[in-house]
Protein backbone atom coordinates (compact mmCIF):
# COMPACT_ATOMS: atom_id res chain seq x y z
CA UNK A 1 73.51 68.91 120.07
CA UNK A 2 69.87 70.06 119.78
CA UNK A 3 69.19 73.70 120.55
CA UNK A 4 67.77 73.06 124.03
CA UNK A 5 67.78 76.73 125.19
CA UNK A 6 65.72 77.70 122.12
CA UNK A 7 63.21 74.92 122.83
CA UNK A 8 63.01 75.87 126.51
CA UNK A 9 62.35 79.51 125.57
CA UNK A 10 59.55 78.35 123.29
CA UNK A 11 58.16 76.24 126.12
CA UNK A 12 58.03 79.18 128.54
CA UNK A 13 56.92 81.91 126.16
CA UNK A 14 53.99 80.51 124.23
CA UNK A 15 50.28 80.15 124.83
CA UNK A 16 49.36 76.64 125.95
CA UNK A 17 46.15 74.67 125.78
CA UNK A 18 47.42 71.92 128.03
CA UNK A 19 47.54 70.76 131.62
CA UNK A 20 50.18 72.67 133.65
CA UNK A 21 51.63 69.38 134.89
CA UNK A 22 52.54 68.43 131.34
CA UNK A 23 54.33 71.72 130.67
CA UNK A 24 56.27 71.31 133.92
CA UNK A 25 57.24 67.74 133.02
CA UNK A 26 58.53 68.73 129.57
CA UNK A 27 60.42 71.62 131.14
CA UNK A 28 62.05 69.28 133.64
CA UNK A 29 63.14 66.96 130.83
CA UNK A 30 64.66 69.85 128.91
CA UNK A 31 66.45 71.10 132.04
CA UNK A 32 67.92 67.63 132.46
CA UNK A 33 69.05 67.57 128.83
CA UNK A 34 70.69 71.00 129.15
CA UNK A 35 72.56 69.94 132.30
CA UNK A 36 73.72 66.66 130.76
CA UNK A 37 71.63 64.51 133.09
CA UNK A 38 69.27 63.08 130.49
CA UNK A 39 71.19 59.84 130.30
CA UNK A 40 73.64 58.28 127.89
CA UNK A 41 70.95 56.32 126.12
CA UNK A 42 69.23 59.42 124.72
CA UNK A 43 68.52 59.00 121.05
CA UNK A 44 66.09 61.23 119.09
CA UNK A 45 63.55 59.34 117.00
CA UNK A 46 64.54 58.49 113.41
CA UNK A 47 63.63 60.94 110.69
CA UNK A 48 60.26 60.34 109.13
CA UNK A 49 58.66 58.73 112.19
CA UNK A 50 54.91 58.93 111.58
CA UNK A 51 53.67 58.00 115.03
CA UNK A 52 54.73 59.04 118.54
CA UNK A 53 55.78 56.71 121.32
CA UNK A 54 52.71 54.72 122.32
CA UNK A 55 51.28 52.74 125.20
CA UNK A 56 51.68 48.96 125.34
CA UNK A 57 48.12 48.53 124.10
CA UNK A 58 48.70 50.79 121.10
CA UNK A 59 52.08 49.18 120.37
CA UNK A 60 50.39 45.79 120.25
CA UNK A 61 47.92 47.15 117.70
CA UNK A 62 50.35 49.11 115.54
CA UNK A 63 53.50 47.04 115.95
CA UNK A 64 56.67 47.36 117.98
CA UNK A 65 58.27 50.06 115.83
CA UNK A 66 56.23 53.19 115.23
CA UNK A 67 58.66 54.15 112.45
CA UNK A 68 57.85 50.99 110.52
CA UNK A 69 54.14 50.93 111.31
CA UNK A 70 51.37 52.13 109.03
CA UNK A 71 49.97 55.53 110.01
CA UNK A 72 46.72 53.88 111.03
CA UNK A 73 45.42 50.44 111.90
CA UNK A 74 42.40 49.10 110.02
CA UNK A 75 39.85 47.07 111.96
CA UNK A 76 37.32 45.86 109.44
CA UNK A 77 36.34 49.08 107.67
CA UNK A 78 37.36 51.34 110.56
CA UNK A 79 40.71 53.14 110.67
CA UNK A 80 42.20 53.70 114.11
CA UNK A 81 44.40 56.80 114.33
CA UNK A 82 46.47 57.40 117.49
CA UNK A 83 46.53 60.92 118.88
CA UNK A 84 49.11 60.36 121.59
CA UNK A 85 51.41 62.95 123.13
CA UNK A 86 51.80 66.69 123.60
CA UNK A 87 50.28 68.58 120.66
CA UNK A 88 52.48 70.97 118.69
CA UNK A 89 53.36 72.16 115.19
CA UNK A 90 56.65 71.97 113.23
CA UNK A 91 58.13 69.88 116.02
CA UNK A 92 61.82 69.06 116.13
CA UNK A 93 63.14 65.56 116.81
CA UNK A 94 63.88 66.63 120.40
CA UNK A 95 60.31 67.81 120.91
CA UNK A 96 58.98 64.54 119.48
CA UNK A 97 61.34 62.64 121.80
CA UNK A 98 59.84 64.59 124.70
CA UNK A 99 56.40 63.27 123.77
CA UNK A 100 55.27 65.64 121.05
CA UNK A 101 52.65 65.00 118.37
CA UNK A 102 52.79 67.23 115.30
CA UNK A 103 49.31 68.40 114.22
CA UNK A 104 50.38 68.51 110.56
CA UNK A 105 51.36 64.82 110.73
CA UNK A 106 48.04 64.01 112.38
CA UNK A 107 46.07 65.83 109.68
CA UNK A 108 48.02 64.02 106.98
CA UNK A 109 47.08 60.68 108.53
CA UNK A 110 43.42 61.73 108.77
CA UNK A 111 43.47 62.82 105.12
CA UNK A 112 45.02 59.48 104.12
CA UNK A 113 42.31 57.57 105.97
CA UNK A 114 39.58 59.63 104.31
CA UNK A 115 41.11 58.96 100.89
CA UNK A 116 41.45 55.22 101.58
CA UNK A 117 38.62 53.42 99.77
CA UNK A 118 38.79 50.52 102.23
CA UNK A 119 38.02 52.87 105.14
CA UNK A 120 34.39 53.74 105.86
CA UNK A 121 34.96 55.55 109.16
CA UNK A 122 37.78 56.37 111.56
CA UNK A 123 38.39 56.49 115.30
CA UNK A 124 40.82 59.09 116.62
CA UNK A 125 42.25 57.41 119.71
CA UNK A 126 43.30 60.12 122.15
CA UNK A 127 45.79 60.00 124.98
CA UNK A 128 46.94 63.60 125.12
CA UNK A 129 47.06 66.38 127.73
CA UNK A 130 46.88 69.03 124.99
CA UNK A 131 49.75 71.25 123.98
CA UNK A 132 50.56 74.56 122.33
CA UNK A 133 47.80 76.49 120.58
CA UNK A 134 49.74 77.14 117.37
CA UNK A 135 48.29 75.04 114.56
CA UNK A 136 45.39 73.64 116.59
CA UNK A 137 42.55 75.87 115.24
CA UNK A 138 43.59 75.06 111.67
CA UNK A 139 43.93 71.34 112.44
CA UNK A 140 40.49 71.37 114.07
CA UNK A 141 38.96 72.83 110.92
CA UNK A 142 40.64 70.15 108.80
CA UNK A 143 39.29 67.41 111.06
CA UNK A 144 35.81 68.97 110.93
CA UNK A 145 35.99 69.03 107.13
CA UNK A 146 37.13 65.39 107.03
CA UNK A 147 34.21 64.43 109.29
CA UNK A 148 31.83 65.68 106.60
CA UNK A 149 33.32 63.19 104.14
CA UNK A 150 33.67 60.17 106.41
CA UNK A 151 32.48 59.85 109.99
CA UNK A 152 35.20 60.41 112.56
CA UNK A 153 34.78 59.29 116.15
CA UNK A 154 36.93 60.36 119.11
CA UNK A 155 37.81 57.94 121.88
CA UNK A 156 39.96 58.22 124.98
CA UNK A 157 40.88 55.77 127.70
CA UNK A 158 43.55 58.06 129.13
CA UNK A 159 43.49 61.82 128.59
CA UNK A 160 41.71 64.04 126.10
CA UNK A 161 42.36 67.47 127.49
CA UNK A 162 42.67 71.05 126.31
CA UNK A 163 44.06 71.22 122.74
CA UNK A 164 43.35 67.50 122.35
CA UNK A 165 39.70 68.07 123.26
CA UNK A 166 39.61 70.99 120.79
CA UNK A 167 40.43 68.44 118.09
CA UNK A 168 38.16 65.70 119.45
CA UNK A 169 35.17 68.04 119.54
CA UNK A 170 35.26 68.21 115.75
CA UNK A 171 34.40 64.51 115.48
CA UNK A 172 30.91 63.08 115.07
CA UNK A 173 30.83 61.64 118.59
CA UNK A 174 33.15 61.47 121.60
CA UNK A 175 33.44 58.25 123.60
CA UNK A 176 35.50 57.79 126.74
CA UNK A 177 36.40 55.25 129.38
CA UNK A 178 34.73 56.41 132.61
CA UNK A 179 38.01 56.91 134.51
CA UNK A 180 39.68 58.93 131.74
CA UNK A 181 40.28 62.69 132.05
CA UNK A 182 38.33 64.85 129.60
CA UNK A 183 37.91 68.59 129.13
CA UNK A 184 40.30 71.29 130.37
CA UNK A 185 38.77 73.84 128.00
CA UNK A 186 41.04 76.77 128.74
CA UNK A 187 44.37 78.35 127.81
CA UNK A 188 47.19 79.95 129.74
CA UNK A 189 50.52 81.67 129.40
CA UNK A 190 53.25 81.46 132.03
CA UNK A 191 56.01 84.03 132.27
CA UNK A 192 58.93 83.71 134.66
CA UNK A 193 60.00 86.96 136.33
CA UNK A 194 63.59 86.60 137.56
CA UNK A 195 64.07 90.26 138.39
CA UNK A 196 64.33 89.85 142.16
CA UNK A 197 66.62 86.82 141.86
CA UNK A 198 68.94 88.81 139.58
CA UNK A 199 68.99 91.75 142.00
CA UNK A 200 70.03 89.43 144.84
CA UNK A 201 72.94 88.28 142.68
CA UNK A 202 73.99 91.85 141.97
CA UNK A 203 72.81 91.76 138.35
CA UNK A 204 71.16 94.77 136.72
CA UNK A 205 69.51 94.69 133.30
CA UNK A 206 70.35 97.41 130.78
CA UNK A 207 67.88 96.93 127.93
CA UNK A 208 68.39 98.73 124.62
CA UNK A 209 65.34 98.38 122.41
CA UNK A 210 63.06 100.00 119.84
CA UNK A 211 59.30 99.55 120.03
CA UNK A 212 57.07 99.88 123.08
CA UNK A 213 56.46 96.15 123.39
CA UNK A 214 59.79 94.84 122.15
CA UNK A 215 61.47 92.53 124.72
CA UNK A 216 58.11 92.18 126.47
CA UNK A 217 58.39 89.59 129.19
CA UNK A 218 62.16 89.57 129.39
CA UNK A 219 62.82 87.48 132.53
CA UNK A 220 64.95 90.24 134.08
CA UNK A 221 62.29 92.94 133.98
CA UNK A 222 58.77 93.22 135.36
CA UNK A 223 55.80 93.19 133.01
CA UNK A 224 54.18 96.60 132.67
CA UNK A 225 50.41 96.95 133.04
CA UNK A 226 50.08 97.50 129.28
CA UNK A 227 52.12 94.37 128.54
CA UNK A 228 50.10 92.30 131.00
CA UNK A 229 46.84 93.54 129.50
CA UNK A 230 48.06 92.69 126.00
CA UNK A 231 48.95 89.14 127.02
CA UNK A 232 45.65 88.69 128.84
CA UNK A 233 43.75 89.89 125.78
CA UNK A 234 45.57 87.31 123.64
CA UNK A 235 44.74 84.51 126.08
CA UNK A 236 41.10 85.62 126.27
CA UNK A 237 40.81 85.70 122.48
CA UNK A 238 42.18 82.17 122.09
CA UNK A 239 39.92 80.90 124.89
CA UNK A 240 36.91 82.37 123.07
CA UNK A 241 38.00 80.61 119.87
CA UNK A 242 38.40 77.35 121.78
CA UNK A 243 34.93 77.58 123.33
CA UNK A 244 33.34 78.55 120.02
CA UNK A 245 34.91 75.54 118.29
CA UNK A 246 33.49 73.24 120.98
CA UNK A 247 30.01 74.75 121.18
CA UNK A 248 29.68 74.74 117.39
CA UNK A 249 29.44 70.95 117.54
CA UNK A 250 28.34 70.24 121.11
CA UNK A 251 25.96 71.64 123.72
CA UNK A 252 28.18 72.78 126.59
CA UNK A 253 27.59 75.11 129.50
CA UNK A 254 30.00 77.95 130.27
CA UNK A 255 30.58 76.39 133.69
CA UNK A 256 32.10 73.28 132.10
CA UNK A 257 34.60 75.30 130.05
CA UNK A 258 36.64 76.85 132.84
CA UNK A 259 39.81 74.79 132.42
CA UNK A 260 38.78 71.87 134.63
CA UNK A 261 38.79 68.18 133.70
CA UNK A 262 35.99 65.66 134.24
CA UNK A 263 35.74 61.92 134.79
CA UNK A 264 33.03 59.36 135.46
CA UNK A 265 29.40 60.61 135.49
CA UNK A 266 30.39 64.27 135.08
CA UNK A 267 31.67 63.56 131.58
CA UNK A 268 28.14 62.69 130.50
CA UNK A 269 26.24 65.27 132.55
CA UNK A 270 28.34 68.12 131.17
CA UNK A 271 27.92 66.92 127.58
CA UNK A 272 31.67 66.59 127.04
CA UNK A 273 31.25 62.91 126.21
CA UNK A 274 28.42 61.13 124.39
CA UNK A 275 28.80 57.67 125.92
CA UNK A 276 31.09 55.60 128.11
CA UNK A 277 32.98 52.74 126.48
CA UNK A 278 35.49 50.81 128.56
CA UNK A 279 38.04 50.00 125.85
CA UNK A 280 39.03 50.74 122.27
CA UNK A 281 38.31 47.10 121.44
CA UNK A 282 34.76 47.42 122.72
CA UNK A 283 34.20 50.56 120.65
CA UNK A 284 35.53 48.90 117.50
CA UNK A 285 33.25 45.92 118.09
CA UNK A 286 30.26 48.24 118.51
CA UNK A 287 31.07 50.10 115.30
CA UNK A 288 31.52 46.84 113.40
CA UNK A 289 28.17 45.58 114.63
CA UNK A 290 26.46 48.82 113.61
CA UNK A 291 27.87 48.84 110.07
């Protein structure tokens, strides 16, 4: 059986660049798996799967089986690369089953498209709420470097939020369907304090440790002021990195980088999106006409 407690601990004790609703949903799925209520039809994806579970529209483009599909679809001279799911790094099969997208796999697909002589440009098709921060700054730099070799365009008709937007901002242009959710430039860290609940159950923690910050955030003890300040400093540092990566390629106001998402006209007025395009098919037609 997969190591669900380990995965759940990672979920709750890491810095996220994602929507809180997504983290809660993944946590609920893991809780169900740990309690045996996930369902008898649970089956992790086969080893070597290149693409995550996709929408009906993407499945029609890439084929029924993501395991058998090519890592990108070619429309004329344009490669279409799906960026679907919760962003992470070194993901296990369970995490991929829960909707994860490994940034290393994504970068490998981008590199392959850049190396493909039949590809002149690529569209990164986003439907992602973001994910964990680990691996995202490095992946963003790889995408930015690839964009200098061949033009990369970002498109979303669903979600392009937080860590996903971090990646999208490295592309030449960002296009979005008007009703999609874009932005969420912010990071957060949640820590569950179960001290009072343990006390009510008659449990008392005896913690033997070495190092002032060892066992920081143990669920059965309160965070000290020094520990809280350390965690806040880490979150602030990553947020600054996130904003710097976005403003290096786009003109954005500080007010639009406070963790909120935008849709419709606000996407354009904030500068988060360059133009509205209703569908991926329309964008591909526009790019074909321009080439």
